[in-house]
Amino acid sequence: MGNHSNSNWWIWKVFWILLIVTAVEVALGIIKPPFMMEVYFGTKLINHIFIILTLIKAAYIVMEFMHLGQEKKGLKLVILLPALILIPYMLFILLTEGLYASIMI
C-alpha cells in the first residue's frame, strides 16, 4: 500500500508545473505589464511570451503524457524540434506578412 502513494507522485509534479505555467499566463493576461505592450516583430511582446509559454506547455505535455521523457535523446529531438522550429517560423511569417498586408490596405 505504501507504493501506491509513491506511484502517483509524477502526476502531481506534472499538475503543479502546468498549473504554475498556466497561472503565469493568466496573471500576464490580467495584469498586462506596460513594458510588454510595446510592439516587436509585428506584434506585442506579451503575445510572444504567450506563444513561448504555450510551446513550453505543449512540449512538456508531450514529454510526460506521451511518455517521450523516457525515450532516448535522439527520438525526443526528432519529435520536438520540428514543432519547436516550424511553429515559431510560421508565426513569424504570419505576423510579418499580416503586418505588411495591413500597411498596404
Protein backbone atom coordinates (compact mmCIF):
# COMPACT_ATOMS: atom_id res chain seq x y z
CA MET A 1 0.00 0.00 0.00
CA GLY A 2 2.89 2.37 0.61
CA ASN A 3 3.94 2.07 -3.04
CA HIS A 4 0.52 3.27 -4.17
CA SER A 5 1.17 6.82 -2.96
CA ASN A 6 4.67 6.78 -4.45
CA SER A 7 3.38 5.77 -7.88
CA ASN A 8 1.26 8.93 -8.16
CA TRP A 9 3.97 11.49 -7.39
CA TRP A 10 4.69 12.19 -11.08
CA ILE A 11 1.11 13.19 -11.87
CA TRP A 12 1.20 15.72 -9.06
CA LYS A 13 4.53 17.04 -10.32
CA VAL A 14 3.04 17.46 -13.79
CA PHE A 15 -0.07 19.08 -12.33
CA TRP A 16 1.91 21.68 -10.36
CA ILE A 17 4.25 22.53 -13.23
CA LEU A 18 1.37 23.01 -15.68
CA LEU A 19 -0.59 24.94 -13.04
CA ILE A 20 2.32 27.33 -12.47
CA VAL A 21 2.87 27.97 -16.18
CA THR A 22 -0.87 28.50 -16.70
CA ALA A 23 -1.05 30.80 -13.69
CA VAL A 24 1.79 32.90 -15.15
CA GLU A 25 -0.10 33.12 -18.45
CA VAL A 26 -3.34 34.14 -16.73
CA ALA A 27 -1.55 36.66 -14.50
CA LEU A 28 0.17 38.24 -17.51
CA GLY A 29 -3.18 38.38 -19.32
CA ILE A 30 -4.83 40.13 -16.39
CA ILE A 31 -2.00 42.48 -15.40
CA LYS A 32 -0.70 43.28 -18.92
CA PRO A 33 2.59 44.92 -17.85
CA PRO A 34 3.11 48.17 -19.82
CA PHE A 35 6.62 47.25 -20.98
CA MET A 36 5.19 44.10 -22.61
CA MET A 37 2.62 46.07 -24.58
CA GLU A 38 5.23 47.55 -26.95
CA VAL A 39 5.36 46.18 -30.49
CA TYR A 40 8.27 43.92 -31.51
CA PHE A 41 8.44 41.90 -34.73
CA GLY A 42 4.95 42.84 -35.78
CA THR A 43 3.10 42.19 -32.53
CA LYS A 44 3.23 42.97 -28.84
CA LEU A 45 5.89 41.41 -26.62
CA ILE A 46 3.20 39.84 -24.42
CA ASN A 47 1.97 37.83 -27.43
CA HIS A 48 5.49 36.45 -27.91
CA ILE A 49 5.58 35.47 -24.22
CA PHE A 50 2.22 33.69 -24.56
CA ILE A 51 3.45 31.79 -27.64
CA ILE A 52 6.66 30.72 -25.87
CA LEU A 53 4.81 29.59 -22.73
CA THR A 54 2.30 27.66 -24.84
CA LEU A 55 5.10 25.88 -26.70
CA ILE A 56 6.74 25.02 -23.38
CA LYS A 57 3.48 23.57 -22.05
CA ALA A 58 2.89 21.60 -25.25
CA ALA A 59 6.40 20.14 -25.19
CA TYR A 60 6.07 19.22 -21.51
CA ILE A 61 2.71 17.54 -22.09
CA VAL A 62 4.18 15.51 -24.96
CA MET A 63 7.17 14.55 -22.81
CA GLU A 64 5.05 13.37 -19.87
CA PHE A 65 1.74 12.08 -21.18
CA MET A 66 3.07 10.51 -24.36
CA HIS A 67 5.95 9.01 -22.37
CA LEU A 68 8.53 10.68 -24.57
CA GLY A 69 10.52 11.68 -21.49
CA GLN A 70 11.74 8.10 -21.05
CA GLU A 71 12.99 7.79 -24.63
CA LYS A 72 16.50 8.44 -25.90
CA LYS A 73 17.57 12.00 -26.59
CA GLY A 74 17.64 11.48 -30.37
CA LEU A 75 13.99 10.45 -30.53
CA LYS A 76 12.97 13.39 -28.33
CA LEU A 77 14.74 15.79 -30.66
CA VAL A 78 13.26 14.22 -33.80
CA ILE A 79 9.75 14.70 -32.44
CA LEU A 80 10.06 18.03 -30.64
CA LEU A 81 12.48 20.06 -32.77
CA PRO A 82 10.37 20.28 -35.92
CA ALA A 83 7.45 21.62 -33.90
CA LEU A 84 9.61 23.98 -31.85
CA ILE A 85 11.27 25.35 -35.01
CA LEU A 86 8.40 25.34 -37.52
CA ILE A 87 5.68 26.80 -35.30
CA PRO A 88 7.66 29.97 -34.41
CA TYR A 89 8.78 30.26 -38.05
CA MET A 90 5.20 30.03 -39.30
CA LEU A 91 4.10 32.57 -36.68
CA PHE A 92 6.89 34.91 -37.79
CA ILE A 93 5.78 34.63 -41.42
CA LEU A 94 2.13 35.11 -40.45
CA LEU A 95 2.84 38.17 -38.33
CA THR A 96 5.22 39.88 -40.75
CA GLU A 97 3.09 39.23 -43.82
CA GLY A 98 -0.04 40.22 -41.92
CA LEU A 99 1.61 43.47 -40.89
CA TYR A 100 2.69 44.10 -44.48
CA ALA A 101 -0.80 43.39 -45.81
CA SER A 102 -2.38 45.73 -43.26
CA ILE A 103 0.01 48.54 -44.26
CA MET A 104 -0.75 48.10 -47.96
CA ILE A 105 -4.53 48.35 -47.50
